[in-house]
């Protein structure tokens, strides 16, 4: 039986047949070698090194349209006129489900291809992050990843990190609850997490947070989120989101109870209302997943004129970390790839590193209050059924903790729960059959 001829041999059918051992002598060796190397190279290069986190994802192109003039706050031309629009690319992603009880944040990165260059709004499904100190980021990620010795997920490692770092409490309560849960990508909320700066034509500055609110629902909980998104676009049931911002003046920032640049804290919508500023619609699937999705290199450092960083140290660290990670992943010339190219070069009107006159003492009064907002979320934002489900999820996760440090980790973490809400601490302690005492409810972890 004659085998199918491919590559060089397809062009020279007289040379290549199954069982022909003389084709090397008959074929032009140089041409054959180069062709084979090229085809093998194309095969092995069908993937780029995966992202360390949020490695599983999909993407789509679409259109962003401005619905509110923001000229009073920023010189960015995109927001100068209602009806302005630009092409966008969005990549959704999710972390590997290591702990099925914990609904980890999903990635929601949006690239705006504007006339002034690219603007990357690198968001996630949760409104806050686990840490505010960039120096803890490697330890946080290592605690979530499979351990080096066993290549297995360790509940003890992750809960040890949480218990040793009480600033993670607010984020973990959100992740273990159903508050930000979505069935897929089409019904997923997005949050910029960090505060950013905006400058207007008279150099007045305000602080801004960004939020995406979905206008559709996904198929169901069992559906694959990537397939659900793809099928919706194919069927012209185009996914939509509205972009909202919260605005805080410099004076308001100085008067806040909590540091407004702390990524583990929210800005209360009661004090800083959500203002609709635009609409996003996804209406075009990628032409090639590798070049359009996996080679996309986002960075929060990509801002427009009239925008800048805040003094958030975690955000400023991400400016370096993302650039370094993307160079490792797609190479030093990754910005020349089509999906990463901007329409024009970005020329920022301000340093993207934030205000050099920032005085950390203005915002540090309640820097270590990691419990008030977490307790408010549990007691005020969730109903009775949601509170029960949250506790059940946490108990199921903490029951997986093994090893000699088990009692110490659980005891330390229960201290945090008690400080947020006594009822929450009692419920989790009972579910774990853990003996509690008065010291646990008043333990000082600052």
Protein backbone atom coordinates (compact mmCIF):
# COMPACT_ATOMS: atom_id res chain seq x y z
CA UNK A 1 0.00 0.00 0.00
CA UNK A 2 1.43 3.37 -1.02
CA UNK A 3 1.57 5.97 1.75
CA UNK A 4 0.32 9.51 1.28
CA UNK A 5 3.07 11.83 0.08
CA UNK A 6 3.57 15.13 1.90
CA UNK A 7 5.99 18.03 1.93
CA UNK A 8 8.96 17.66 -0.38
CA UNK A 9 7.85 14.20 -1.49
CA UNK A 10 4.44 15.47 -2.60
CA UNK A 11 6.31 17.64 -5.08
CA UNK A 12 8.53 14.69 -6.18
CA UNK A 13 6.21 11.66 -6.37
CA UNK A 14 8.76 9.70 -8.36
CA UNK A 15 11.13 9.69 -5.41
CA UNK A 16 9.04 8.93 -2.33
CA UNK A 17 7.17 5.67 -1.87
CA UNK A 18 6.66 3.50 1.15
CA UNK A 19 9.66 1.24 1.57
CA UNK A 20 11.90 3.26 -0.76
CA UNK A 21 15.30 3.28 0.96
CA UNK A 22 17.10 5.05 -1.85
CA UNK A 23 15.25 8.36 -1.76
CA UNK A 24 18.00 10.10 0.21
CA UNK A 25 20.42 9.42 -2.62
CA UNK A 26 17.93 10.55 -5.26
CA UNK A 27 16.61 13.65 -3.47
CA UNK A 28 18.46 16.96 -3.33
CA UNK A 29 19.76 16.64 0.23
CA UNK A 30 19.82 20.35 1.03
CA UNK A 31 16.26 20.96 -0.15
CA UNK A 32 14.95 17.90 1.64
CA UNK A 33 16.67 18.84 4.89
CA UNK A 34 15.45 22.43 4.87
CA UNK A 35 11.89 21.45 4.01
CA UNK A 36 11.75 18.85 6.76
CA UNK A 37 13.24 21.25 9.30
CA UNK A 38 10.72 23.92 8.34
CA UNK A 39 7.76 21.58 8.72
CA UNK A 40 9.00 20.26 12.06
CA UNK A 41 9.67 23.80 13.31
CA UNK A 42 6.13 24.85 12.39
CA UNK A 43 4.78 21.86 14.29
CA UNK A 44 6.74 22.39 17.50
CA UNK A 45 6.15 26.16 17.48
CA UNK A 46 2.37 25.82 17.47
CA UNK A 47 2.52 26.75 21.14
CA UNK A 48 4.26 29.47 23.08
CA UNK A 49 5.32 28.98 26.72
CA UNK A 50 2.14 29.14 28.83
CA UNK A 51 1.35 31.92 31.25
CA UNK A 52 2.29 31.11 34.84
CA UNK A 53 -1.27 31.84 36.00
CA UNK A 54 -4.46 32.22 33.97
CA UNK A 55 -2.96 29.93 31.34
CA UNK A 56 -6.30 28.51 30.17
CA UNK A 57 -8.30 30.98 28.13
CA UNK A 58 -9.88 32.19 24.92
CA UNK A 59 -10.35 35.52 23.20
CA UNK A 60 -12.36 37.58 20.73
CA UNK A 61 -12.33 40.93 18.95
CA UNK A 62 -15.00 43.56 19.18
CA UNK A 63 -15.94 47.23 19.49
CA UNK A 64 -15.94 49.65 22.42
CA UNK A 65 -18.19 52.71 22.24
CA UNK A 66 -18.07 55.68 24.63
CA UNK A 67 -21.36 56.60 26.31
CA UNK A 68 -20.14 59.45 28.54
CA UNK A 69 -17.84 62.39 27.92
CA UNK A 70 -14.94 62.31 30.39
CA UNK A 71 -13.14 65.45 29.21
CA UNK A 72 -13.53 66.91 32.71
CA UNK A 73 -11.31 64.11 34.02
CA UNK A 74 -8.91 63.03 31.26
CA UNK A 75 -7.32 64.26 28.05
CA UNK A 76 -7.59 60.80 26.50
CA UNK A 77 -9.19 61.43 23.09
CA UNK A 78 -11.18 58.21 23.25
CA UNK A 79 -13.35 59.67 26.02
CA UNK A 80 -13.58 63.19 24.56
CA UNK A 81 -16.87 62.63 22.74
CA UNK A 82 -19.89 60.41 23.26
CA UNK A 83 -20.04 57.92 20.38
CA UNK A 84 -16.28 57.61 19.94
CA UNK A 85 -15.32 54.01 19.35
CA UNK A 86 -12.31 51.78 18.85
CA UNK A 87 -11.55 48.16 18.08
CA UNK A 88 -10.79 45.93 21.07
CA UNK A 89 -9.38 42.50 21.80
CA UNK A 90 -10.43 40.61 24.93
CA UNK A 91 -8.82 37.56 26.51
CA UNK A 92 -10.75 35.66 29.16
CA UNK A 93 -8.94 33.13 31.29
CA UNK A 94 -9.23 31.02 34.38
CA UNK A 95 -6.87 29.51 36.89
CA UNK A 96 -6.52 25.76 37.13
CA UNK A 97 -9.13 24.42 39.55
CA UNK A 98 -6.85 23.05 42.26
CA UNK A 99 -9.44 23.43 45.02
CA UNK A 100 -12.97 22.83 43.73
CA UNK A 101 -14.43 24.61 46.77
CA UNK A 102 -12.75 27.90 45.89
CA UNK A 103 -14.03 29.92 42.95
CA UNK A 104 -10.77 31.52 41.96
CA UNK A 105 -10.81 34.78 40.00
CA UNK A 106 -10.94 34.63 36.21
CA UNK A 107 -8.92 36.95 33.99
CA UNK A 108 -10.64 39.64 31.90
CA UNK A 109 -8.00 41.55 29.91
CA UNK A 110 -9.13 44.19 27.40
CA UNK A 111 -6.95 45.90 24.80
CA UNK A 112 -8.24 49.13 23.28
CA UNK A 113 -6.68 49.94 19.89
CA UNK A 114 -7.04 53.74 20.01
CA UNK A 115 -5.66 56.54 17.84
CA UNK A 116 -3.27 57.41 20.68
CA UNK A 117 -1.93 53.88 21.08
CA UNK A 118 -2.95 50.78 22.96
CA UNK A 119 -4.62 50.88 26.35
CA UNK A 120 -4.63 47.60 28.29
CA UNK A 121 -7.17 47.26 31.07
CA UNK A 122 -5.95 44.07 32.75
CA UNK A 123 -8.85 43.05 34.98
CA UNK A 124 -10.19 40.02 36.85
CA UNK A 125 -13.55 38.73 38.05
CA UNK A 126 -12.94 39.67 41.71
CA UNK A 127 -12.95 43.35 42.79
CA UNK A 128 -9.94 42.94 45.09
CA UNK A 129 -6.70 40.99 45.34
CA UNK A 130 -5.19 38.78 48.04
CA UNK A 131 -2.18 40.95 48.85
CA UNK A 132 -1.06 44.57 48.73
CA UNK A 133 2.68 43.97 49.21
CA UNK A 134 4.28 43.07 45.88
CA UNK A 135 7.08 41.25 47.73
CA UNK A 136 4.57 38.56 48.75
CA UNK A 137 3.48 37.79 45.20
CA UNK A 138 5.94 34.91 44.54
CA UNK A 139 4.98 33.27 47.82
CA UNK A 140 1.26 33.66 47.01
CA UNK A 141 1.61 32.01 43.60
CA UNK A 142 3.85 29.22 44.91
CA UNK A 143 1.24 28.41 47.57
CA UNK A 144 -1.42 28.00 44.87
CA UNK A 145 0.64 25.95 42.42
CA UNK A 146 1.42 22.21 42.69
CA UNK A 147 4.23 21.74 45.18
CA UNK A 148 7.72 21.12 43.83
CA UNK A 149 8.38 17.87 45.69
CA UNK A 150 5.11 16.13 44.84
CA UNK A 151 3.70 18.14 41.91
CA UNK A 152 0.40 17.99 43.82
CA UNK A 153 -1.81 20.77 45.17
CA UNK A 154 -1.36 21.31 48.92
CA UNK A 155 -4.24 22.74 50.95
CA UNK A 156 -1.81 23.09 53.85
CA UNK A 157 0.52 25.32 51.82
CA UNK A 158 -2.25 27.61 50.62
CA UNK A 159 -4.02 27.90 53.96
CA UNK A 160 -0.68 28.45 55.67
CA UNK A 161 -0.10 31.45 53.46
CA UNK A 162 -3.62 32.76 54.10
CA UNK A 163 -3.31 32.32 57.84
CA UNK A 164 0.06 34.07 57.94
CA UNK A 165 -1.24 36.98 55.84
CA UNK A 166 -4.58 38.27 57.16
CA UNK A 167 -4.90 40.76 54.29
CA UNK A 168 -6.03 37.77 52.18
CA UNK A 169 -9.21 37.39 54.28
CA UNK A 170 -11.48 39.70 52.28
CA UNK A 171 -10.53 38.16 48.93
CA UNK A 172 -10.85 34.57 50.13
CA UNK A 173 -14.36 35.23 51.51
CA UNK A 174 -15.37 36.54 48.08
CA UNK A 175 -13.77 33.58 46.31
CA UNK A 176 -15.46 31.00 48.54
CA UNK A 177 -18.85 32.69 48.16
CA UNK A 178 -21.18 32.85 45.17
CA UNK A 179 -21.07 36.66 45.05
CA UNK A 180 -18.84 36.98 41.97
CA UNK A 181 -19.58 33.52 40.57
CA UNK A 182 -20.37 33.18 36.85
CA UNK A 183 -21.30 30.19 34.73
CA UNK A 184 -18.97 31.22 31.93
CA UNK A 185 -17.36 34.26 30.38
CA UNK A 186 -20.42 36.00 28.96
CA UNK A 187 -21.92 36.64 32.40
CA UNK A 188 -18.62 37.42 34.12
CA UNK A 189 -17.97 40.69 35.90
CA UNK A 190 -14.62 42.38 35.47
CA UNK A 191 -12.73 44.66 37.85
CA UNK A 192 -9.54 46.64 37.34
CA UNK A 193 -8.82 46.10 41.09
CA UNK A 194 -6.26 48.92 41.32
CA UNK A 195 -6.85 52.64 41.44
CA UNK A 196 -5.53 54.59 38.45
CA UNK A 197 -5.10 58.31 37.89
CA UNK A 198 -6.75 60.57 35.32
CA UNK A 199 -5.58 64.07 34.35
CA UNK A 200 -7.61 66.72 32.50
CA UNK A 201 -6.44 69.61 30.31
CA UNK A 202 -5.87 71.86 33.34
CA UNK A 203 -3.79 69.19 35.08
CA UNK A 204 -6.41 68.37 37.70
CA UNK A 205 -6.16 64.80 38.95
CA UNK A 206 -8.69 62.25 40.14
CA UNK A 207 -8.38 58.61 41.09
CA UNK A 208 -10.39 56.04 39.14
CA UNK A 209 -11.43 52.37 39.42
CA UNK A 210 -12.84 50.39 36.47
CA UNK A 211 -15.62 47.80 36.45
CA UNK A 212 -17.22 45.70 33.68
CA UNK A 213 -20.84 44.60 34.11
CA UNK A 214 -22.16 41.83 31.81
CA UNK A 215 -25.36 42.30 29.81
CA UNK A 216 -25.83 38.60 29.01
CA UNK A 217 -25.95 35.28 30.80
CA UNK A 218 -23.94 32.19 29.91
CA UNK A 219 -25.53 28.89 28.94
CA UNK A 220 -25.27 26.96 32.22
CA UNK A 221 -22.80 25.91 34.88
CA UNK A 222 -21.81 22.71 33.07
CA UNK A 223 -21.01 24.42 29.74
CA UNK A 224 -17.43 24.97 28.65
CA UNK A 225 -16.98 28.77 28.96
CA UNK A 226 -14.80 29.05 25.85
CA UNK A 227 -17.19 27.05 23.70
CA UNK A 228 -20.15 29.00 25.07
CA UNK A 229 -18.50 32.31 24.12
CA UNK A 230 -17.52 31.01 20.66
CA UNK A 231 -20.99 29.66 19.87
CA UNK A 232 -22.64 32.90 20.96
CA UNK A 233 -20.50 34.95 18.57
CA UNK A 234 -21.02 32.43 15.74
CA UNK A 235 -24.79 32.72 16.26
CA UNK A 236 -24.53 36.54 16.32
CA UNK A 237 -25.75 36.61 19.90
CA UNK A 238 -22.91 39.03 20.58
CA UNK A 239 -21.71 39.22 24.22
CA UNK A 240 -21.94 42.69 25.74
CA UNK A 241 -20.61 44.52 28.79
CA UNK A 242 -20.94 48.04 30.10
CA UNK A 243 -17.92 49.84 31.53
CA UNK A 244 -18.39 51.73 34.79
CA UNK A 245 -15.93 53.86 36.73
CA UNK A 246 -15.72 55.12 40.28
CA UNK A 247 -14.14 58.54 40.79
CA UNK A 248 -12.37 59.77 43.92
CA UNK A 249 -10.86 63.24 44.32
CA UNK A 250 -7.50 63.80 45.98
CA UNK A 251 -9.20 65.35 49.00
CA UNK A 252 -11.57 62.41 49.33
CA UNK A 253 -8.60 60.04 49.17
CA UNK A 254 -6.97 61.80 52.11
CA UNK A 255 -10.20 61.57 54.13
CA UNK A 256 -10.79 57.84 53.58
CA UNK A 257 -10.83 55.44 56.49
CA UNK A 258 -8.77 52.95 54.47
CA UNK A 259 -5.88 53.45 52.13
CA UNK A 260 -7.65 53.98 48.76
CA UNK A 261 -4.67 52.42 46.96
CA UNK A 262 -4.85 49.16 48.92
CA UNK A 263 -5.72 46.38 46.44
CA UNK A 264 -7.30 44.31 49.24
CA UNK A 265 -9.99 46.97 49.85
CA UNK A 266 -13.02 48.12 47.87
CA UNK A 267 -14.37 51.61 47.31
CA UNK A 268 -17.92 51.53 48.61
CA UNK A 269 -20.41 52.23 45.77
CA UNK A 270 -22.49 54.13 48.32
CA UNK A 271 -19.69 56.68 48.66
CA UNK A 272 -18.34 56.46 45.11
CA UNK A 273 -21.19 55.59 42.72
CA UNK A 274 -20.72 53.55 39.57
CA UNK A 275 -20.77 55.81 36.50
CA UNK A 276 -21.43 54.24 33.10
CA UNK A 277 -18.88 55.40 30.51
CA UNK A 278 -18.96 52.88 27.65
CA UNK A 279 -20.19 49.65 26.10
CA UNK A 280 -18.22 46.67 24.83
CA UNK A 281 -19.50 44.20 22.25
CA UNK A 282 -17.61 41.12 21.03
CA UNK A 283 -18.48 40.29 17.43
CA UNK A 284 -15.43 38.65 15.81
CA UNK A 285 -13.69 35.37 16.56
CA UNK A 286 -9.89 35.08 16.30
CA UNK A 287 -8.55 33.97 12.96
CA UNK A 288 -5.89 31.86 14.67
CA UNK A 289 -5.78 30.98 18.37
CA UNK A 290 -1.99 30.98 18.56
CA UNK A 291 -1.29 34.34 16.93
CA UNK A 292 -4.41 36.17 18.13
CA UNK A 293 -4.86 34.80 21.65
CA UNK A 294 -1.79 33.04 23.04
CA UNK A 295 0.67 35.56 21.62
CA UNK A 296 -1.31 38.49 23.02
CA UNK A 297 0.89 40.25 25.58
CA UNK A 298 -1.01 42.54 27.96
CA UNK A 299 0.47 45.00 30.41
CA UNK A 300 -1.13 47.48 32.84
CA UNK A 301 1.71 49.85 31.89
CA UNK A 302 -0.02 50.53 28.55
CA UNK A 303 -1.99 53.68 29.30
CA UNK A 304 -3.25 56.61 27.25
CA UNK A 305 -2.33 60.29 27.57
CA UNK A 306 -4.39 61.66 30.44
CA UNK A 307 -3.99 58.43 32.43
CA UNK A 308 -1.35 57.31 34.92
CA UNK A 309 -0.62 54.93 37.77
CA UNK A 310 -1.69 55.46 41.36
CA UNK A 311 0.69 55.03 44.31
CA UNK A 312 -0.49 51.41 44.67
CA UNK A 313 2.83 49.52 45.06
CA UNK A 314 1.33 46.28 43.77
CA UNK A 315 0.24 48.01 40.56
CA UNK A 316 3.66 49.57 40.08
CA UNK A 317 5.27 46.16 40.51
CA UNK A 318 2.96 44.74 37.84
CA UNK A 319 4.32 47.34 35.41
CA UNK A 320 7.66 45.54 35.53
CA UNK A 321 6.41 42.00 36.13
CA UNK A 322 4.11 41.87 33.11
CA UNK A 323 6.70 43.27 30.74
CA UNK A 324 9.30 40.80 31.99
CA UNK A 325 6.91 37.85 31.83
CA UNK A 326 5.77 38.67 28.30
CA UNK A 327 9.34 38.99 27.06
CA UNK A 328 10.04 35.52 28.42
CA UNK A 329 6.87 34.16 26.83
CA UNK A 330 6.74 35.73 23.35
CA UNK A 331 10.26 37.17 23.03
CA UNK A 332 11.76 40.67 23.18
CA UNK A 333 10.03 41.65 19.94
CA UNK A 334 6.58 40.48 21.00
CA UNK A 335 5.15 43.98 20.59
CA UNK A 336 5.70 43.66 16.84
CA UNK A 337 3.24 40.77 16.64
CA UNK A 338 0.01 41.83 14.97
CA UNK A 339 -2.24 41.36 18.00
CA UNK A 340 0.08 43.54 20.11
CA UNK A 341 0.66 46.36 17.63
CA UNK A 342 -0.90 49.74 18.31
CA UNK A 343 -2.22 52.23 15.79
CA UNK A 344 0.23 54.85 17.02
CA UNK A 345 2.99 55.20 19.60
CA UNK A 346 1.81 56.01 23.12
CA UNK A 347 3.04 59.39 24.33
CA UNK A 348 1.91 59.76 27.92
CA UNK A 349 1.34 63.24 29.31
CA UNK A 350 2.46 62.05 32.73
CA UNK A 351 4.78 59.52 34.27
CA UNK A 352 2.96 56.25 34.57
CA UNK A 353 4.54 55.64 37.94
CA UNK A 354 2.04 57.83 39.77
CA UNK A 355 2.46 61.01 41.80
CA UNK A 356 6.06 61.55 42.95
CA UNK A 357 4.70 63.73 45.77
CA UNK A 358 2.65 60.87 47.21
CA UNK A 359 2.81 60.84 50.99
CA UNK A 360 2.20 57.34 52.33
CA UNK A 361 1.54 58.73 55.83
CA UNK A 362 -1.71 60.28 54.57
CA UNK A 363 -3.26 56.87 54.01
CA UNK A 364 -1.70 54.58 56.62
CA UNK A 365 -3.92 55.14 59.68
CA UNK A 366 -5.94 51.93 59.27
CA UNK A 367 -3.45 50.13 57.06
CA UNK A 368 -3.72 46.86 58.99
CA UNK A 369 -7.48 46.71 59.34
CA UNK A 370 -8.02 43.58 57.26
CA UNK A 371 -11.24 42.57 58.99
CA UNK A 372 -13.90 45.32 58.88
CA UNK A 373 -14.60 45.16 55.14
CA UNK A 374 -14.41 41.36 55.19
CA UNK A 375 -16.93 41.24 58.04
CA UNK A 376 -19.22 43.69 56.27
CA UNK A 377 -19.12 41.54 53.15
CA UNK A 378 -20.11 38.43 55.11
CA UNK A 379 -22.81 40.01 57.28
CA UNK A 380 -24.31 42.61 54.92
CA UNK A 381 -23.62 41.55 51.32
CA UNK A 382 -24.65 37.90 51.60
CA UNK A 383 -28.03 36.44 52.51
CA UNK A 384 -28.54 33.55 54.93
CA UNK A 385 -28.24 30.84 52.27
CA UNK A 386 -25.10 32.44 50.80
CA UNK A 387 -23.48 32.69 54.23
CA UNK A 388 -24.15 29.01 54.85
CA UNK A 389 -22.72 28.06 51.46
CA UNK A 390 -19.63 30.18 52.04
CA UNK A 391 -18.96 28.47 55.36
CA UNK A 392 -19.53 25.02 53.84
CA UNK A 393 -17.02 25.75 51.06
CA UNK A 394 -14.38 26.97 53.50
CA UNK A 395 -14.89 23.99 55.81
CA UNK A 396 -14.59 21.54 52.90
CA UNK A 397 -11.37 23.21 51.80
CA UNK A 398 -9.78 23.41 55.26
CA UNK A 399 -10.61 19.75 55.92
CA UNK A 400 -7.99 18.95 53.26
CA UNK A 401 -5.19 20.46 55.38
CA UNK A 402 -2.73 17.74 56.35
CA UNK A 403 0.62 17.49 58.05
CA UNK A 404 2.20 18.49 61.36
CA UNK A 405 1.19 22.15 61.00
CA UNK A 406 -2.52 21.40 60.59
CA UNK A 407 -3.68 22.51 64.06
CA UNK A 408 -1.56 25.64 64.00
CA UNK A 409 -2.73 26.70 60.53
CA UNK A 410 -6.41 26.16 61.36
CA UNK A 411 -6.13 27.94 64.71
CA UNK A 412 -4.42 30.95 63.18
CA UNK A 413 -6.94 31.19 60.33
CA UNK A 414 -9.89 30.90 62.72
CA UNK A 415 -8.54 33.96 64.54
CA UNK A 416 -9.01 35.95 61.33
CA UNK A 417 -12.54 34.64 60.80
CA UNK A 418 -13.50 35.57 64.37
CA UNK A 419 -12.14 39.08 63.97
CA UNK A 420 -14.20 39.55 60.82
CA UNK A 421 -17.41 38.08 62.22
CA UNK A 422 -17.82 35.96 65.38
CA UNK A 423 -20.71 33.96 63.90
CA UNK A 424 -18.55 33.04 60.90
CA UNK A 425 -15.71 31.89 63.14
CA UNK A 426 -18.01 29.78 65.31
CA UNK A 427 -19.65 28.17 62.28
CA UNK A 428 -16.33 27.19 60.68
CA UNK A 429 -14.78 26.00 63.94
CA UNK A 430 -17.81 23.78 64.56
CA UNK A 431 -17.63 22.37 61.05
CA UNK A 432 -13.97 21.48 61.61
CA UNK A 433 -14.61 20.09 65.13
CA UNK A 434 -11.97 22.50 66.37
CA UNK A 435 -11.88 23.55 70.02
CA UNK A 436 -11.98 27.33 70.43
CA UNK A 437 -11.24 29.61 73.34
CA UNK A 438 -11.67 33.28 74.19
CA UNK A 439 -8.17 34.18 73.07
CA UNK A 440 -8.95 33.03 69.55
CA UNK A 441 -11.76 35.59 69.25
CA UNK A 442 -9.58 38.49 70.40
CA UNK A 443 -6.19 37.41 69.02
CA UNK A 444 -4.15 40.36 67.72
CA UNK A 445 -2.63 39.56 64.31
CA UNK A 446 -1.47 43.05 63.39
